[in-house]
Structures are given as structure tokens and as C-alpha cells.
Amino acid sequence: MNNEESIAFLQKLEQVIQDRLANPTEGSYTSKIAQKGINKVAQKVGEEAVETVIEATNGTEELLKEEAADLIYHLLLLLNYKGIPLAEVVKVLEQRHQ
């Protein structure tokens, strides 16, 4: 998968998250976490961040990739729960890079 395909997948994932937030679906992990409220959504980001750090310092490359994926997913969920699309975060990064 190249960079363009990776970006396209993140956009697709964000669309799925936005859809689950707008239209909760029974059996959906995203819907389940979101229905528990902002505290649970934010807590999951913290948990995944800690697990990512642990794998970065003591784990394997494969486990680090898995935890990083969990962290990115939960961060996308948090951002979209708060009404902030990923594109707005990218804009901040772009402005900092100038």
C-alpha cells in the first residue's frame, strides 16, 4: 500500500466512524464506545497511547504496529466525536511546517 492508498483508507475509515456516530448500529464497536460518552471515548485514547508506548519500549515491531493502529482508530473516533475531522488536524500540522 502506497501513501495515497493509506490516506484514502484513513478517509474511508473516518467516513465509517462518522456514519456510526450519526447512525448507531447494533453490534458496531464504534457505536458501542460512542454511546458510552466522551469520557469513555477519551479513556480509550489514553489506554491505547499507553499500550503503544509500552510496545515501543518493550515489545515487538508487530505489536507496536497493532497498538499504533488501535491508537489511530481511537483518536479518529475521539476527533469525530468532538466534531473535528482529520483534515482540520492536518491543517494544523501544515501550518506548523511552514
N, C-alpha and C. Protein backbone atom coordinates (compact mmCIF):
# COMPACT_ATOMS: atom_id res chain seq x y z
N MET A 1 0.85 -1.18 0.00
CA MET A 1 0.00 0.00 0.00
C MET A 1 0.90 1.24 0.00
N ASN A 2 0.65 2.15 -0.94
CA ASN A 2 1.45 3.36 -1.00
C ASN A 2 0.81 4.47 -0.15
N ASN A 3 1.44 5.62 -0.09
CA ASN A 3 0.94 6.72 0.74
C ASN A 3 -0.46 7.17 0.34
N GLU A 4 -0.70 7.27 -0.96
CA GLU A 4 -2.03 7.70 -1.43
C GLU A 4 -3.11 6.70 -1.01
N GLU A 5 -2.81 5.43 -1.12
CA GLU A 5 -3.77 4.40 -0.70
C GLU A 5 -3.99 4.44 0.81
N SER A 6 -2.93 4.71 1.54
CA SER A 6 -3.04 4.80 3.00
C SER A 6 -3.92 5.98 3.40
N ILE A 7 -3.72 7.12 2.75
CA ILE A 7 -4.53 8.30 3.04
C ILE A 7 -6.00 8.04 2.66
N ALA A 8 -6.21 7.41 1.53
CA ALA A 8 -7.57 7.08 1.10
C ALA A 8 -8.25 6.16 2.11
N PHE A 9 -7.49 5.20 2.65
CA PHE A 9 -8.08 4.29 3.63
C PHE A 9 -8.44 5.05 4.91
N LEU A 10 -7.57 5.95 5.37
CA LEU A 10 -7.90 6.74 6.56
C LEU A 10 -9.16 7.58 6.33
N GLN A 11 -9.31 8.12 5.14
CA GLN A 11 -10.51 8.89 4.82
C GLN A 11 -11.75 7.99 4.85
N LYS A 12 -11.61 6.78 4.31
CA LYS A 12 -12.73 5.84 4.32
C LYS A 12 -13.08 5.44 5.75
N LEU A 13 -12.05 5.17 6.56
CA LEU A 13 -12.28 4.81 7.96
C LEU A 13 -12.98 5.95 8.69
N GLU A 14 -12.55 7.17 8.43
CA GLU A 14 -13.19 8.32 9.07
C GLU A 14 -14.66 8.42 8.66
N GLN A 15 -14.96 8.14 7.41
CA GLN A 15 -16.35 8.17 6.94
C GLN A 15 -17.19 7.12 7.66
N VAL A 16 -16.62 5.94 7.86
CA VAL A 16 -17.34 4.88 8.59
C VAL A 16 -17.60 5.34 10.02
N ILE A 17 -16.58 5.92 10.66
CA ILE A 17 -16.75 6.42 12.02
C ILE A 17 -17.84 7.48 12.07
N GLN A 18 -17.81 8.42 11.15
CA GLN A 18 -18.82 9.47 11.11
C GLN A 18 -20.21 8.88 10.92
N ASP A 19 -20.33 7.87 10.07
CA ASP A 19 -21.62 7.22 9.85
C ASP A 19 -22.11 6.52 11.12
N ARG A 20 -21.20 5.84 11.81
CA ARG A 20 -21.59 5.14 13.05
C ARG A 20 -22.00 6.12 14.15
N LEU A 21 -21.37 7.29 14.16
CA LEU A 21 -21.75 8.30 15.14
C LEU A 21 -23.13 8.87 14.82
N ALA A 22 -23.40 9.09 13.54
CA ALA A 22 -24.69 9.65 13.12
C ALA A 22 -25.80 8.61 13.13
N ASN A 23 -25.43 7.36 12.86
CA ASN A 23 -26.41 6.26 12.76
C ASN A 23 -25.90 5.05 13.52
N PRO A 24 -26.03 5.08 14.85
CA PRO A 24 -25.53 3.95 15.64
C PRO A 24 -26.07 2.62 15.12
N THR A 25 -25.17 1.65 15.05
CA THR A 25 -25.50 0.35 14.52
C THR A 25 -25.27 -0.71 15.58
N GLU A 26 -26.28 -1.54 15.80
CA GLU A 26 -26.15 -2.62 16.78
C GLU A 26 -25.01 -3.55 16.36
N GLY A 27 -24.16 -3.89 17.32
CA GLY A 27 -23.04 -4.77 17.04
C GLY A 27 -21.79 -4.04 16.59
N SER A 28 -21.89 -2.73 16.38
CA SER A 28 -20.74 -1.94 15.95
C SER A 28 -19.92 -1.52 17.16
N TYR A 29 -18.62 -1.81 17.13
CA TYR A 29 -17.73 -1.40 18.21
C TYR A 29 -17.71 0.12 18.34
N THR A 30 -17.65 0.80 17.21
CA THR A 30 -17.63 2.26 17.22
C THR A 30 -18.87 2.81 17.90
N SER A 31 -20.03 2.31 17.53
CA SER A 31 -21.28 2.75 18.14
C SER A 31 -21.30 2.46 19.64
N LYS A 32 -20.82 1.29 20.01
CA LYS A 32 -20.82 0.88 21.42
C LYS A 32 -19.98 1.83 22.26
N ILE A 33 -18.78 2.14 21.82
CA ILE A 33 -17.90 3.04 22.57
C ILE A 33 -18.49 4.45 22.60
N ALA A 34 -18.96 4.93 21.46
CA ALA A 34 -19.50 6.29 21.38
C ALA A 34 -20.72 6.48 22.28
N GLN A 35 -21.55 5.46 22.37
CA GLN A 35 -22.76 5.56 23.19
C GLN A 35 -22.43 5.68 24.68
N LYS A 36 -21.22 5.33 25.06
CA LYS A 36 -20.81 5.44 26.46
C LYS A 36 -20.36 6.85 26.83
N GLY A 37 -20.23 7.72 25.82
CA GLY A 37 -19.94 9.12 26.08
C GLY A 37 -18.48 9.50 25.93
N ILE A 38 -18.25 10.81 26.02
CA ILE A 38 -16.92 11.37 25.77
C ILE A 38 -15.88 10.83 26.74
N ASN A 39 -16.25 10.60 27.99
CA ASN A 39 -15.25 10.10 28.95
C ASN A 39 -14.69 8.75 28.52
N LYS A 40 -15.55 7.86 28.05
CA LYS A 40 -15.11 6.54 27.61
C LYS A 40 -14.29 6.65 26.33
N VAL A 41 -14.73 7.49 25.41
CA VAL A 41 -14.01 7.68 24.15
C VAL A 41 -12.61 8.19 24.44
N ALA A 42 -12.50 9.21 25.28
CA ALA A 42 -11.20 9.77 25.64
C ALA A 42 -10.35 8.78 26.41
N GLN A 43 -10.97 8.02 27.29
CA GLN A 43 -10.24 7.00 28.07
C GLN A 43 -9.59 5.98 27.15
N LYS A 44 -10.31 5.58 26.11
CA LYS A 44 -9.75 4.59 25.17
C LYS A 44 -8.52 5.14 24.46
N VAL A 45 -8.51 6.43 24.13
CA VAL A 45 -7.34 7.04 23.50
C VAL A 45 -6.16 6.95 24.47
N GLY A 46 -6.40 7.27 25.74
CA GLY A 46 -5.34 7.19 26.74
C GLY A 46 -4.81 5.78 26.90
N GLU A 47 -5.71 4.82 26.98
CA GLU A 47 -5.29 3.42 27.13
C GLU A 47 -4.43 2.98 25.95
N GLU A 48 -4.89 3.30 24.76
CA GLU A 48 -4.14 2.88 23.57
C GLU A 48 -2.81 3.61 23.46
N ALA A 49 -2.75 4.86 23.91
CA ALA A 49 -1.48 5.60 23.90
C ALA A 49 -0.47 4.93 24.83
N VAL A 50 -0.92 4.56 26.02
CA VAL A 50 -0.03 3.88 26.97
C VAL A 50 0.44 2.54 26.40
N GLU A 51 -0.48 1.78 25.82
CA GLU A 51 -0.11 0.49 25.25
C GLU A 51 0.87 0.66 24.09
N THR A 52 0.72 1.72 23.33
CA THR A 52 1.65 1.99 22.23
C THR A 52 3.04 2.29 22.77
N VAL A 53 3.11 3.08 23.82
CA VAL A 53 4.41 3.40 24.44
C VAL A 53 5.06 2.14 24.99
N ILE A 54 4.29 1.30 25.64
CA ILE A 54 4.83 0.05 26.21
C ILE A 54 5.41 -0.82 25.10
N GLU A 55 4.68 -0.96 24.00
CA GLU A 55 5.18 -1.80 22.90
C GLU A 55 6.40 -1.17 22.24
N ALA A 56 6.44 0.16 22.19
CA ALA A 56 7.60 0.85 21.59
C ALA A 56 8.87 0.61 22.40
N THR A 57 8.72 0.50 23.71
CA THR A 57 9.90 0.36 24.55
C THR A 57 10.23 -1.08 24.90
N ASN A 58 9.22 -1.95 24.95
CA ASN A 58 9.45 -3.32 25.41
C ASN A 58 8.93 -4.41 24.50
N GLY A 59 8.23 -4.04 23.45
CA GLY A 59 7.55 -5.05 22.64
C GLY A 59 8.22 -5.30 21.31
N THR A 60 7.46 -5.98 20.48
CA THR A 60 7.94 -6.30 19.14
C THR A 60 7.43 -5.26 18.14
N GLU A 61 8.03 -5.24 16.99
CA GLU A 61 7.59 -4.32 15.94
C GLU A 61 6.14 -4.60 15.55
N GLU A 62 5.78 -5.87 15.47
CA GLU A 62 4.42 -6.24 15.09
C GLU A 62 3.40 -5.75 16.12
N LEU A 63 3.70 -5.94 17.41
CA LEU A 63 2.78 -5.47 18.44
C LEU A 63 2.71 -3.95 18.46
N LEU A 64 3.81 -3.28 18.19
CA LEU A 64 3.80 -1.82 18.12
C LEU A 64 2.88 -1.36 16.99
N LYS A 65 2.95 -2.01 15.84
CA LYS A 65 2.08 -1.63 14.73
C LYS A 65 0.61 -1.83 15.10
N GLU A 66 0.31 -2.92 15.79
CA GLU A 66 -1.07 -3.18 16.19
C GLU A 66 -1.58 -2.12 17.18
N GLU A 67 -0.75 -1.78 18.14
CA GLU A 67 -1.17 -0.77 19.13
C GLU A 67 -1.25 0.61 18.48
N ALA A 68 -0.35 0.92 17.56
CA ALA A 68 -0.42 2.19 16.86
C ALA A 68 -1.71 2.28 16.03
N ALA A 69 -2.10 1.19 15.42
CA ALA A 69 -3.36 1.15 14.67
C ALA A 69 -4.54 1.40 15.60
N ASP A 70 -4.53 0.76 16.76
CA ASP A 70 -5.60 1.00 17.74
C ASP A 70 -5.64 2.46 18.17
N LEU A 71 -4.47 3.04 18.39
CA LEU A 71 -4.38 4.44 18.81
C LEU A 71 -4.94 5.37 17.73
N ILE A 72 -4.54 5.14 16.49
CA ILE A 72 -5.03 5.99 15.40
C ILE A 72 -6.54 5.88 15.26
N TYR A 73 -7.06 4.66 15.33
CA TYR A 73 -8.51 4.47 15.24
C TYR A 73 -9.24 5.23 16.35
N HIS A 74 -8.77 5.03 17.58
CA HIS A 74 -9.46 5.68 18.71
C HIS A 74 -9.30 7.19 18.67
N LEU A 75 -8.18 7.69 18.17
CA LEU A 75 -8.01 9.13 18.02
C LEU A 75 -8.97 9.67 16.97
N LEU A 76 -9.13 8.96 15.85
CA LEU A 76 -10.11 9.36 14.84
C LEU A 76 -11.51 9.39 15.43
N LEU A 77 -11.83 8.40 16.24
CA LEU A 77 -13.13 8.35 16.88
C LEU A 77 -13.32 9.56 17.79
N LEU A 78 -12.33 9.86 18.61
CA LEU A 78 -12.41 11.00 19.53
C LEU A 78 -12.58 12.31 18.76
N LEU A 79 -11.74 12.51 17.76
CA LEU A 79 -11.83 13.75 16.98
C LEU A 79 -13.21 13.92 16.37
N ASN A 80 -13.71 12.86 15.75
CA ASN A 80 -15.01 12.95 15.09
C ASN A 80 -16.15 13.04 16.09
N TYR A 81 -16.00 12.42 17.25
CA TYR A 81 -16.99 12.55 18.31
C TYR A 81 -17.12 14.02 18.70
N LYS A 82 -15.99 14.73 18.70
CA LYS A 82 -15.97 16.15 19.06
C LYS A 82 -16.25 17.05 17.85
N GLY A 83 -16.53 16.45 16.68
CA GLY A 83 -16.86 17.22 15.50
C GLY A 83 -15.66 17.81 14.78
N ILE A 84 -14.49 17.20 14.98
CA ILE A 84 -13.26 17.69 14.35
C ILE A 84 -12.79 16.65 13.34
N PRO A 85 -12.91 16.95 12.06
CA PRO A 85 -12.43 15.99 11.07
C PRO A 85 -10.89 15.98 11.02
N LEU A 86 -10.35 14.88 10.59
CA LEU A 86 -8.91 14.72 10.48
C LEU A 86 -8.28 15.83 9.64
N ALA A 87 -8.97 16.28 8.62
CA ALA A 87 -8.45 17.33 7.75
C ALA A 87 -8.09 18.59 8.52
N GLU A 88 -8.84 18.90 9.58
CA GLU A 88 -8.53 20.08 10.39
C GLU A 88 -7.24 19.90 11.19
N VAL A 89 -6.99 18.70 11.63
CA VAL A 89 -5.74 18.41 12.34
C VAL A 89 -4.57 18.48 11.36
N VAL A 90 -4.78 17.98 10.16
CA VAL A 90 -3.74 18.05 9.13
C VAL A 90 -3.41 19.51 8.81
N LYS A 91 -4.42 20.37 8.78
CA LYS A 91 -4.18 21.80 8.54
C LYS A 91 -3.25 22.38 9.61
N VAL A 92 -3.47 22.00 10.86
CA VAL A 92 -2.60 22.48 11.94
C VAL A 92 -1.18 22.02 11.70
N LEU A 93 -1.00 20.77 11.32
CA LEU A 93 0.33 20.25 11.03
C LEU A 93 0.98 21.00 9.88
N GLU A 94 0.19 21.27 8.84
CA GLU A 94 0.72 22.01 7.69
C GLU A 94 1.16 23.40 8.10
N GLN A 95 0.36 24.07 8.91
CA GLN A 95 0.72 25.43 9.37
C GLN A 95 1.99 25.40 10.21
N ARG A 96 2.15 24.39 11.01
CA ARG A 96 3.36 24.28 11.83
C ARG A 96 4.60 24.01 10.99
N HIS A 97 4.40 23.38 9.86
CA HIS A 97 5.51 23.01 9.00
C HIS A 97 6.04 24.18 8.18
N GLN A 98 5.23 25.22 8.04
CA GLN A 98 5.63 26.38 7.20
C GLN A 98 6.75 27.16 7.83
